[in-house]
Amino acid sequence: MPASKRDHLLATAEQLFHEQGFHATGIDRIVSAACVVRMTLYNHFSSKEALILAVLDARHQRFIKSLDVAVASAPKGHATSALAEAHGQWLNAYSQHGCIMLKAMGEFAEHSAAIHALAVGAKNDLLQRIEAAVVRDGLAHCPGLARRLFTVLEGSNTTVALLGVATALADTREMIELLLEAAMREGS
C-alpha cells in the first residue's frame, strides 16, 4: 500500500533534516525531493516548525518502540543489554549521521522552545527506559548505573559519525558489558 502524502513528506523531510540539518533544509528543497507542491506540504503542516515537530515525534516513536520490543522479548536478567543492543541496531540502520535529537537540541535551543523541549523529552524517555531495564534486571542497588549507561549510549550517538558504525558500536558494547558486570559483582 502506498504511503500517504503526509507520511511521504515526513519521510522525505526526516532524511533531509538528518543529513543536512534543519536550518540548512528549506521548504523548497523538501517539496522538490518529495515531488509535491508547496500547498501539499502546507495542507498537512501549518509551518516548517510543525513539520519538524512531526518528524521528530514520529522518529522518536519508532525508536522507542524498537527499544520496548527488545526489552519485552529479552530473557530474564538481560533487559538492559537488549536495550543497548537495540540502540546499536538503530544507530546502524538510521543514525550514521549522528543523533537527530541532538541536532535539534543544538539548532533550536535559542530558536524554538517547542522543538528543543521535544528533543529533550526524547532523551529523558531513553533515560527512563534504561532505568526501568536496570530495575527489571535486578540492578537497582547500583545508584547512577542507568545514568552511566545513558552516557555511554549517548556517546555512541556522537562517535558513530566520527569513528564509523562498527567501531562505535563495538566500543559501546564493551563499555556496556563492563558497567553491567561491575554492577552484578557489586550486587553479589
N, C-alpha and C. Protein backbone atom coordinates (compact mmCIF):
# COMPACT_ATOMS: atom_id res chain seq x y z
N MET A 1 0.85 -1.19 0.00
CA MET A 1 0.00 0.00 0.00
C MET A 1 0.89 1.24 0.00
N PRO A 2 0.65 2.18 -0.91
CA PRO A 2 1.48 3.38 -0.96
C PRO A 2 1.28 4.24 0.28
N ALA A 3 2.36 4.90 0.69
CA ALA A 3 2.29 5.78 1.85
C ALA A 3 1.44 7.00 1.51
N SER A 4 0.82 7.55 2.53
CA SER A 4 0.05 8.77 2.32
C SER A 4 1.02 9.91 1.99
N LYS A 5 0.49 10.97 1.41
CA LYS A 5 1.33 12.13 1.09
C LYS A 5 1.98 12.67 2.37
N ARG A 6 1.22 12.67 3.46
CA ARG A 6 1.76 13.16 4.74
C ARG A 6 2.94 12.30 5.17
N ASP A 7 2.78 10.98 5.12
CA ASP A 7 3.86 10.08 5.50
C ASP A 7 5.07 10.24 4.59
N HIS A 8 4.80 10.42 3.30
CA HIS A 8 5.89 10.62 2.34
C HIS A 8 6.64 11.92 2.65
N LEU A 9 5.91 12.97 2.96
CA LEU A 9 6.55 14.23 3.33
C LEU A 9 7.38 14.08 4.61
N LEU A 10 6.83 13.37 5.60
CA LEU A 10 7.57 13.14 6.84
C LEU A 10 8.87 12.38 6.58
N ALA A 11 8.79 11.32 5.79
CA ALA A 11 9.99 10.52 5.49
C ALA A 11 11.02 11.34 4.73
N THR A 12 10.58 12.10 3.77
CA THR A 12 11.49 12.93 2.97
C THR A 12 12.14 13.99 3.84
N ALA A 13 11.34 14.68 4.62
CA ALA A 13 11.86 15.73 5.50
C ALA A 13 12.82 15.15 6.54
N GLU A 14 12.47 14.01 7.10
CA GLU A 14 13.35 13.38 8.09
C GLU A 14 14.72 13.10 7.50
N GLN A 15 14.74 12.52 6.32
CA GLN A 15 16.02 12.21 5.68
C GLN A 15 16.83 13.48 5.43
N LEU A 16 16.19 14.50 4.90
CA LEU A 16 16.90 15.74 4.59
C LEU A 16 17.37 16.45 5.86
N PHE A 17 16.51 16.53 6.87
CA PHE A 17 16.90 17.17 8.13
C PHE A 17 18.07 16.43 8.77
N HIS A 18 18.01 15.12 8.73
CA HIS A 18 19.05 14.32 9.37
C HIS A 18 20.39 14.47 8.64
N GLU A 19 20.35 14.46 7.33
CA GLU A 19 21.58 14.54 6.55
C GLU A 19 22.13 15.95 6.43
N GLN A 20 21.25 16.95 6.33
CA GLN A 20 21.70 18.30 6.02
C GLN A 20 21.48 19.31 7.13
N GLY A 21 20.69 18.97 8.12
CA GLY A 21 20.38 19.91 9.19
C GLY A 21 19.02 20.55 8.97
N PHE A 22 18.49 21.07 10.04
CA PHE A 22 17.15 21.66 9.99
C PHE A 22 17.14 23.02 9.31
N HIS A 23 18.03 23.90 9.75
CA HIS A 23 18.06 25.24 9.18
C HIS A 23 18.56 25.25 7.74
N ALA A 24 19.44 24.33 7.40
CA ALA A 24 20.00 24.27 6.05
C ALA A 24 19.02 23.69 5.04
N THR A 25 17.98 23.06 5.52
CA THR A 25 16.99 22.43 4.63
C THR A 25 15.74 23.30 4.56
N GLY A 26 15.53 23.89 3.42
CA GLY A 26 14.37 24.76 3.24
C GLY A 26 13.15 23.99 2.75
N ILE A 27 12.03 24.64 2.83
CA ILE A 27 10.76 24.06 2.38
C ILE A 27 10.83 23.70 0.89
N ASP A 28 11.44 24.57 0.09
CA ASP A 28 11.53 24.29 -1.34
C ASP A 28 12.30 23.01 -1.61
N ARG A 29 13.34 22.76 -0.85
CA ARG A 29 14.13 21.52 -1.00
C ARG A 29 13.29 20.30 -0.64
N ILE A 30 12.49 20.42 0.41
CA ILE A 30 11.65 19.31 0.86
C ILE A 30 10.58 18.99 -0.17
N VAL A 31 9.87 20.00 -0.65
CA VAL A 31 8.79 19.73 -1.61
C VAL A 31 9.36 19.21 -2.93
N SER A 32 10.53 19.69 -3.32
CA SER A 32 11.16 19.20 -4.54
C SER A 32 11.55 17.73 -4.39
N ALA A 33 12.18 17.39 -3.28
CA ALA A 33 12.60 15.99 -3.05
C ALA A 33 11.40 15.06 -2.90
N ALA A 34 10.30 15.57 -2.35
CA ALA A 34 9.09 14.75 -2.17
C ALA A 34 8.22 14.73 -3.42
N CYS A 35 8.58 15.53 -4.41
CA CYS A 35 7.81 15.62 -5.66
C CYS A 35 6.36 16.02 -5.40
N VAL A 36 6.20 17.03 -4.56
CA VAL A 36 4.87 17.59 -4.30
C VAL A 36 4.97 19.11 -4.44
N VAL A 37 3.84 19.75 -4.45
CA VAL A 37 3.83 21.21 -4.49
C VAL A 37 3.78 21.74 -3.06
N ARG A 38 4.19 22.96 -2.92
CA ARG A 38 4.26 23.60 -1.60
C ARG A 38 2.92 23.52 -0.86
N MET A 39 1.82 23.69 -1.58
CA MET A 39 0.50 23.67 -0.95
C MET A 39 0.22 22.32 -0.31
N THR A 40 0.71 21.25 -0.90
CA THR A 40 0.52 19.92 -0.32
C THR A 40 1.17 19.85 1.05
N LEU A 41 2.38 20.39 1.15
CA LEU A 41 3.06 20.40 2.45
C LEU A 41 2.23 21.20 3.45
N TYR A 42 1.79 22.38 3.05
CA TYR A 42 1.05 23.24 3.99
C TYR A 42 -0.37 22.73 4.27
N ASN A 43 -0.88 21.83 3.45
CA ASN A 43 -2.16 21.19 3.78
C ASN A 43 -2.00 20.22 4.94
N HIS A 44 -0.79 19.71 5.12
CA HIS A 44 -0.53 18.74 6.18
C HIS A 44 0.18 19.33 7.40
N PHE A 45 0.95 20.39 7.18
CA PHE A 45 1.74 21.00 8.26
C PHE A 45 1.62 22.52 8.14
N SER A 46 1.25 23.15 9.23
CA SER A 46 0.99 24.59 9.18
C SER A 46 2.25 25.44 9.01
N SER A 47 3.42 24.86 9.30
CA SER A 47 4.66 25.61 9.22
C SER A 47 5.83 24.63 9.18
N LYS A 48 7.01 25.16 8.92
CA LYS A 48 8.21 24.32 8.96
C LYS A 48 8.41 23.79 10.38
N GLU A 49 8.13 24.61 11.38
CA GLU A 49 8.26 24.15 12.77
C GLU A 49 7.32 22.98 13.05
N ALA A 50 6.09 23.06 12.56
CA ALA A 50 5.14 21.96 12.74
C ALA A 50 5.64 20.69 12.05
N LEU A 51 6.24 20.85 10.88
CA LEU A 51 6.81 19.70 10.17
C LEU A 51 7.96 19.10 10.97
N ILE A 52 8.83 19.91 11.49
CA ILE A 52 9.97 19.43 12.29
C ILE A 52 9.46 18.70 13.53
N LEU A 53 8.49 19.26 14.21
CA LEU A 53 7.92 18.60 15.39
C LEU A 53 7.33 17.24 15.03
N ALA A 54 6.63 17.17 13.92
CA ALA A 54 6.03 15.91 13.49
C ALA A 54 7.11 14.88 13.12
N VAL A 55 8.15 15.33 12.43
CA VAL A 55 9.26 14.45 12.06
C VAL A 55 9.92 13.88 13.32
N LEU A 56 10.25 14.76 14.26
CA LEU A 56 10.94 14.31 15.47
C LEU A 56 10.06 13.37 16.30
N ASP A 57 8.78 13.70 16.41
CA ASP A 57 7.88 12.85 17.18
C ASP A 57 7.74 11.47 16.54
N ALA A 58 7.54 11.43 15.23
CA ALA A 58 7.39 10.14 14.54
C ALA A 58 8.66 9.30 14.66
N ARG A 59 9.81 9.93 14.50
CA ARG A 59 11.08 9.20 14.61
C ARG A 59 11.26 8.68 16.03
N HIS A 60 10.96 9.51 17.00
CA HIS A 60 11.10 9.10 18.39
C HIS A 60 10.20 7.92 18.72
N GLN A 61 8.97 7.96 18.23
CA GLN A 61 8.04 6.86 18.50
C GLN A 61 8.56 5.55 17.90
N ARG A 62 9.13 5.61 16.70
CA ARG A 62 9.70 4.40 16.09
C ARG A 62 10.90 3.90 16.91
N PHE A 63 11.74 4.82 17.35
CA PHE A 63 12.92 4.44 18.14
C PHE A 63 12.52 3.79 19.45
N ILE A 64 11.61 4.43 20.17
CA ILE A 64 11.18 3.92 21.47
C ILE A 64 10.49 2.56 21.30
N LYS A 65 9.71 2.41 20.25
CA LYS A 65 9.06 1.12 20.01
C LYS A 65 10.11 0.03 19.81
N SER A 66 11.19 0.34 19.09
CA SER A 66 12.23 -0.67 18.87
C SER A 66 12.90 -1.06 20.18
N LEU A 67 13.09 -0.11 21.07
CA LEU A 67 13.67 -0.42 22.39
C LEU A 67 12.70 -1.25 23.21
N ASP A 68 11.44 -0.84 23.23
CA ASP A 68 10.43 -1.54 24.03
C ASP A 68 10.26 -2.99 23.58
N VAL A 69 10.28 -3.22 22.28
CA VAL A 69 10.16 -4.58 21.75
C VAL A 69 11.36 -5.42 22.20
N ALA A 70 12.56 -4.85 22.12
CA ALA A 70 13.77 -5.57 22.52
C ALA A 70 13.74 -5.92 24.00
N VAL A 71 13.35 -4.97 24.83
CA VAL A 71 13.30 -5.22 26.28
C VAL A 71 12.23 -6.25 26.61
N ALA A 72 11.07 -6.13 25.99
CA ALA A 72 9.96 -7.06 26.27
C ALA A 72 10.32 -8.50 25.91
N SER A 73 11.14 -8.69 24.90
CA SER A 73 11.48 -10.05 24.47
C SER A 73 12.80 -10.55 25.06
N ALA A 74 13.43 -9.74 25.90
CA ALA A 74 14.72 -10.12 26.49
C ALA A 74 14.53 -11.19 27.57
N PRO A 75 15.45 -12.14 27.63
CA PRO A 75 15.39 -13.12 28.71
C PRO A 75 15.64 -12.44 30.06
N LYS A 76 15.21 -13.10 31.11
CA LYS A 76 15.37 -12.56 32.46
C LYS A 76 16.84 -12.20 32.70
N GLY A 77 17.03 -10.99 33.23
CA GLY A 77 18.36 -10.52 33.54
C GLY A 77 19.12 -9.88 32.39
N HIS A 78 18.47 -9.78 31.22
CA HIS A 78 19.16 -9.24 30.04
C HIS A 78 18.43 -8.07 29.39
N ALA A 79 17.53 -7.43 30.11
CA ALA A 79 16.77 -6.31 29.54
C ALA A 79 17.67 -5.14 29.18
N THR A 80 18.62 -4.84 30.06
CA THR A 80 19.50 -3.69 29.82
C THR A 80 20.39 -3.93 28.62
N SER A 81 20.97 -5.11 28.53
CA SER A 81 21.83 -5.39 27.37
C SER A 81 21.00 -5.46 26.09
N ALA A 82 19.76 -5.94 26.16
CA ALA A 82 18.88 -5.96 24.98
C ALA A 82 18.56 -4.54 24.53
N LEU A 83 18.30 -3.65 25.48
CA LEU A 83 18.04 -2.25 25.15
C LEU A 83 19.26 -1.64 24.48
N ALA A 84 20.44 -1.88 25.04
CA ALA A 84 21.67 -1.32 24.47
C ALA A 84 21.90 -1.86 23.06
N GLU A 85 21.64 -3.14 22.86
CA GLU A 85 21.81 -3.74 21.53
C GLU A 85 20.81 -3.15 20.54
N ALA A 86 19.57 -2.94 20.97
CA ALA A 86 18.57 -2.32 20.10
C ALA A 86 18.97 -0.89 19.74
N HIS A 87 19.54 -0.18 20.70
CA HIS A 87 20.04 1.17 20.44
C HIS A 87 21.12 1.12 19.36
N GLY A 88 22.02 0.15 19.47
CA GLY A 88 23.07 0.00 18.47
C GLY A 88 22.53 -0.35 17.09
N GLN A 89 21.52 -1.22 17.06
CA GLN A 89 20.91 -1.56 15.78
C GLN A 89 20.25 -0.34 15.14
N TRP A 90 19.63 0.50 15.97
CA TRP A 90 19.03 1.74 15.47
C TRP A 90 20.09 2.64 14.88
N LEU A 91 21.20 2.81 15.60
CA LEU A 91 22.29 3.65 15.08
C LEU A 91 22.78 3.12 13.74
N ASN A 92 22.97 1.82 13.67
CA ASN A 92 23.47 1.21 12.44
C ASN A 92 22.50 1.43 11.28
N ALA A 93 21.22 1.31 11.54
CA ALA A 93 20.23 1.42 10.47
C ALA A 93 19.84 2.86 10.12
N TYR A 94 19.79 3.74 11.14
CA TYR A 94 19.17 5.05 10.91
C TYR A 94 19.98 6.27 11.32
N SER A 95 21.09 6.10 11.96
CA SER A 95 21.75 7.28 12.53
C SER A 95 23.24 7.37 12.22
N GLN A 96 23.63 7.02 11.01
CA GLN A 96 25.04 7.12 10.65
C GLN A 96 25.54 8.56 10.66
N HIS A 97 24.63 9.51 10.61
CA HIS A 97 24.99 10.93 10.63
C HIS A 97 24.88 11.52 12.04
N GLY A 98 24.79 10.67 13.05
CA GLY A 98 24.62 11.14 14.42
C GLY A 98 23.15 11.20 14.79
N CYS A 99 22.90 11.73 15.96
CA CYS A 99 21.55 11.74 16.52
C CYS A 99 20.77 12.98 16.10
N ILE A 100 19.62 12.76 15.49
CA ILE A 100 18.79 13.87 15.02
C ILE A 100 18.24 14.69 16.20
N MET A 101 18.02 14.04 17.35
CA MET A 101 17.54 14.77 18.53
C MET A 101 18.61 15.71 19.06
N LEU A 102 19.85 15.26 19.07
CA LEU A 102 20.95 16.14 19.49
C LEU A 102 21.09 17.31 18.53
N LYS A 103 20.93 17.03 17.25
CA LYS A 103 20.98 18.11 16.25
C LYS A 103 19.87 19.12 16.52
N ALA A 104 18.68 18.61 16.81
CA ALA A 104 17.56 19.51 17.08
C ALA A 104 17.81 20.34 18.33
N MET A 105 18.36 19.70 19.37
CA MET A 105 18.66 20.45 20.60
C MET A 105 19.66 21.56 20.31
N GLY A 106 20.67 21.26 19.50
CA GLY A 106 21.68 22.26 19.17
C GLY A 106 21.15 23.38 18.30
N GLU A 107 20.37 23.02 17.29
CA GLU A 107 19.89 24.03 16.35
C GLU A 107 18.75 24.88 16.90
N PHE A 108 18.00 24.35 17.89
CA PHE A 108 16.80 25.06 18.31
C PHE A 108 16.80 25.50 19.77
N ALA A 109 17.91 25.37 20.47
CA ALA A 109 17.96 25.80 21.87
C ALA A 109 17.53 27.26 22.01
N GLU A 110 17.92 28.07 21.07
CA GLU A 110 17.60 29.51 21.13
C GLU A 110 16.50 29.92 20.16
N HIS A 111 16.02 28.98 19.35
CA HIS A 111 15.10 29.37 18.27
C HIS A 111 13.68 28.82 18.39
N SER A 112 13.52 27.70 19.08
CA SER A 112 12.18 27.13 19.22
C SER A 112 12.10 26.31 20.50
N ALA A 113 11.41 26.84 21.47
CA ALA A 113 11.26 26.14 22.75
C ALA A 113 10.53 24.81 22.55
N ALA A 114 9.58 24.76 21.64
CA ALA A 114 8.80 23.53 21.43
C ALA A 114 9.66 22.42 20.85
N ILE A 115 10.46 22.74 19.85
CA ILE A 115 11.33 21.72 19.24
C ILE A 115 12.39 21.28 20.24
N HIS A 116 12.98 22.22 20.91
CA HIS A 116 14.01 21.89 21.90
C HIS A 116 13.42 21.01 23.00
N ALA A 117 12.24 21.34 23.48
CA ALA A 117 11.59 20.56 24.54
C ALA A 117 11.25 19.15 24.07
N LEU A 118 10.82 19.00 22.83
CA LEU A 118 10.51 17.66 22.32
C LEU A 118 11.79 16.81 22.31
N ALA A 119 12.90 17.38 21.84
CA ALA A 119 14.16 16.64 21.78
C ALA A 119 14.66 16.29 23.18
N VAL A 120 14.57 17.21 24.11
CA VAL A 120 14.97 16.93 25.50
C VAL A 120 14.07 15.83 26.08
N GLY A 121 12.78 15.91 25.81
CA GLY A 121 11.85 14.89 26.28
C GLY A 121 12.19 13.51 25.72
N ALA A 122 12.63 13.46 24.48
CA ALA A 122 13.03 12.19 23.87
C ALA A 122 14.22 11.60 24.61
N LYS A 123 15.17 12.43 24.97
CA LYS A 123 16.34 11.95 25.73
C LYS A 123 15.92 11.48 27.11
N ASN A 124 15.00 12.18 27.74
CA ASN A 124 14.50 11.75 29.04
C ASN A 124 13.75 10.42 28.94
N ASP A 125 13.01 10.21 27.85
CA ASP A 125 12.34 8.92 27.62
C ASP A 125 13.36 7.79 27.58
N LEU A 126 14.46 8.01 26.88
CA LEU A 126 15.50 6.99 26.80
C LEU A 126 16.07 6.70 28.19
N LEU A 127 16.38 7.73 28.94
CA LEU A 127 16.91 7.53 30.29
C LEU A 127 15.92 6.76 31.17
N GLN A 128 14.65 7.09 31.08
CA GLN A 128 13.64 6.37 31.87
C GLN A 128 13.55 4.90 31.48
N ARG A 129 13.70 4.61 30.21
CA ARG A 129 13.66 3.21 29.77
C ARG A 129 14.90 2.45 30.25
N ILE A 130 16.03 3.12 30.26
CA ILE A 130 17.24 2.48 30.80
C ILE A 130 17.06 2.21 32.29
N GLU A 131 16.52 3.18 33.01
CA GLU A 131 16.26 3.00 34.45
C GLU A 131 15.34 1.80 34.68
N ALA A 132 14.30 1.68 33.89
CA ALA A 132 13.35 0.56 34.05
C ALA A 132 14.02 -0.77 33.72
N ALA A 133 14.88 -0.80 32.71
CA ALA A 133 15.59 -2.04 32.36
C ALA A 133 16.54 -2.45 33.47
N VAL A 134 17.22 -1.48 34.05
CA VAL A 134 18.14 -1.75 35.16
C VAL A 134 17.37 -2.37 36.34
N VAL A 135 16.23 -1.80 36.65
CA VAL A 135 15.39 -2.35 37.73
C VAL A 135 14.93 -3.76 37.37
N ARG A 136 14.47 -3.93 36.14
CA ARG A 136 14.00 -5.25 35.69
C ARG A 136 15.10 -6.31 35.81
N ASP A 137 16.34 -5.90 35.59
CA ASP A 137 17.47 -6.83 35.68
C ASP A 137 17.97 -7.02 37.11
N GLY A 138 17.30 -6.39 38.09
CA GLY A 138 17.70 -6.55 39.48
C GLY A 138 18.95 -5.78 39.86
N LEU A 139 19.22 -4.69 39.15
CA LEU A 139 20.43 -3.90 39.40
C LEU A 139 20.13 -2.53 40.01
N ALA A 140 18.96 -2.39 40.60
CA ALA A 140 18.56 -1.10 41.19
C ALA A 140 19.45 -0.71 42.36
N HIS A 141 20.20 -1.67 42.89
CA HIS A 141 21.09 -1.39 44.02
C HIS A 141 22.31 -0.55 43.61
N CYS A 142 22.48 -0.30 42.34
CA CYS A 142 23.63 0.45 41.83
C CYS A 142 23.20 1.87 41.46
N PRO A 143 23.33 2.79 42.41
CA PRO A 143 22.92 4.16 42.09
C PRO A 143 23.79 4.74 40.96
N GLY A 144 23.16 5.39 40.04
CA GLY A 144 23.87 6.03 38.94
C GLY A 144 24.15 5.11 37.76
N LEU A 145 23.85 3.81 37.87
CA LEU A 145 24.13 2.90 36.77
C LEU A 145 23.38 3.31 35.50
N ALA A 146 22.10 3.58 35.63
CA ALA A 146 21.30 3.96 34.45
C ALA A 146 21.86 5.23 33.81
N ARG A 147 22.25 6.17 34.62
CA ARG A 147 22.82 7.42 34.10
C ARG A 147 24.13 7.15 33.35
N ARG A 148 24.98 6.28 33.90
CA ARG A 148 26.23 5.95 33.22
C ARG A 148 25.98 5.20 31.91
N LEU A 149 25.03 4.29 31.92
CA LEU A 149 24.67 3.59 30.68
C LEU A 149 24.14 4.57 29.64
N PHE A 150 23.31 5.49 30.08
CA PHE A 150 22.79 6.54 29.19
C PHE A 150 23.93 7.34 28.58
N THR A 151 24.91 7.68 29.40
CA THR A 151 26.05 8.46 28.93
C THR A 151 26.82 7.69 27.85
N VAL A 152 27.00 6.39 28.05
CA VAL A 152 27.70 5.57 27.06
C VAL A 152 26.89 5.52 25.75
N LEU A 153 25.59 5.29 25.86
CA LEU A 153 24.76 5.22 24.65
C LEU A 153 24.74 6.56 23.92
N GLU A 154 24.65 7.64 24.67
CA GLU A 154 24.68 8.96 24.03
C GLU A 154 26.03 9.23 23.38
N GLY A 155 27.09 8.74 24.00
CA GLY A 155 28.41 8.88 23.39
C GLY A 155 28.49 8.15 22.06
N SER A 156 27.82 7.00 21.97
CA SER A 156 27.83 6.27 20.70
C SER A 156 27.11 7.06 19.61
N ASN A 157 26.10 7.85 20.00
CA ASN A 157 25.41 8.70 19.02
C ASN A 157 26.37 9.67 18.35
N THR A 158 27.31 10.17 19.12
CA THR A 158 28.27 11.15 18.61
C THR A 158 29.41 10.46 17.87
N THR A 159 29.95 9.39 18.45
CA THR A 159 31.13 8.78 17.87
C THR A 159 30.85 8.00 16.59
N VAL A 160 29.61 7.59 16.37
CA VAL A 160 29.30 6.85 15.16
C VAL A 160 29.64 7.66 13.91
N ALA A 161 29.42 8.96 13.95
CA ALA A 161 29.71 9.81 12.79
C ALA A 161 31.22 10.00 12.60
N LEU A 162 31.98 9.90 13.67
CA LEU A 162 33.43 10.11 13.59
C LEU A 162 34.21 8.81 13.38
N LEU A 163 33.87 7.79 14.15
CA LEU A 163 34.63 6.54 14.12
C LEU A 163 34.04 5.48 13.19
N GLY A 164 32.83 5.69 12.75
CA GLY A 164 32.15 4.69 11.94
C GLY A 164 31.29 3.80 12.83
N VAL A 165 30.31 3.19 12.23
CA VAL A 165 29.34 2.40 12.98
C VAL A 165 29.99 1.21 13.68
N ALA A 166 30.79 0.45 12.96
CA ALA A 166 31.36 -0.78 13.53
C ALA A 166 32.21 -0.48 14.77
N THR A 167 33.09 0.49 14.68
CA THR A 167 33.96 0.81 15.82
C THR A 167 33.17 1.39 16.97
N ALA A 168 32.29 2.33 16.67
CA ALA A 168 31.50 2.96 17.74
C ALA A 168 30.66 1.93 18.47
N LEU A 169 30.03 1.01 17.74
CA LEU A 169 29.17 0.02 18.38
C LEU A 169 29.98 -1.03 19.13
N ALA A 170 31.12 -1.42 18.61
CA ALA A 170 31.98 -2.38 19.32
C ALA A 170 32.45 -1.78 20.65
N ASP A 171 32.88 -0.52 20.62
CA ASP A 171 33.32 0.15 21.85
C ASP A 171 32.17 0.31 22.83
N THR A 172 31.00 0.64 22.31
CA THR A 172 29.82 0.81 23.16
C THR A 172 29.45 -0.50 23.83
N ARG A 173 29.43 -1.58 23.07
CA ARG A 173 29.12 -2.91 23.65
C ARG A 173 30.10 -3.25 24.76
N GLU A 174 31.38 -3.01 24.52
CA GLU A 174 32.39 -3.33 25.53
C GLU A 174 32.18 -2.52 26.81
N MET A 175 31.90 -1.23 26.67
CA MET A 175 31.69 -0.39 27.85
C MET A 175 30.41 -0.78 28.60
N ILE A 176 29.36 -1.10 27.86
CA ILE A 176 28.10 -1.53 28.49
C ILE A 176 28.34 -2.82 29.27
N GLU A 177 29.03 -3.77 28.65
CA GLU A 177 29.33 -5.04 29.33
C GLU A 177 30.12 -4.81 30.62
N LEU A 178 31.11 -3.94 30.56
CA LEU A 178 31.92 -3.64 31.75
C LEU A 178 31.06 -3.04 32.86
N LEU A 179 30.20 -2.11 32.51
CA LEU A 179 29.32 -1.49 33.51
C LEU A 179 28.37 -2.52 34.12
N LEU A 180 27.79 -3.36 33.30
CA LEU A 180 26.84 -4.36 33.79
C LEU A 180 27.55 -5.43 34.64
N GLU A 181 28.72 -5.87 34.22
CA GLU A 181 29.48 -6.84 35.00
C GLU A 181 29.85 -6.28 36.38
N ALA A 182 30.29 -5.03 36.41
CA ALA A 182 30.64 -4.40 37.68
C ALA A 182 29.40 -4.30 38.59
N ALA A 183 28.27 -3.95 38.00
CA ALA A 183 27.03 -3.84 38.78
C ALA A 183 26.61 -5.19 39.35
N MET A 184 26.79 -6.24 38.54
CA MET A 184 26.41 -7.59 39.02
C MET A 184 27.34 -8.04 40.14
N ARG A 185 28.62 -7.74 40.02
CA ARG A 185 29.57 -8.09 41.09
C ARG A 185 29.23 -7.33 42.36
N GLU A 186 28.87 -6.08 42.20
CA GLU A 186 28.52 -5.25 43.36
C GLU A 186 27.29 -5.79 44.07
N GLY A 187 26.40 -6.40 43.32
CA GLY A 187 25.16 -6.92 43.90
C GLY A 187 25.30 -8.30 44.50
N SER A 188 26.42 -8.97 44.25
CA SER A 188 26.53 -10.33 44.78
C SER A 188 27.30 -10.39 46.09
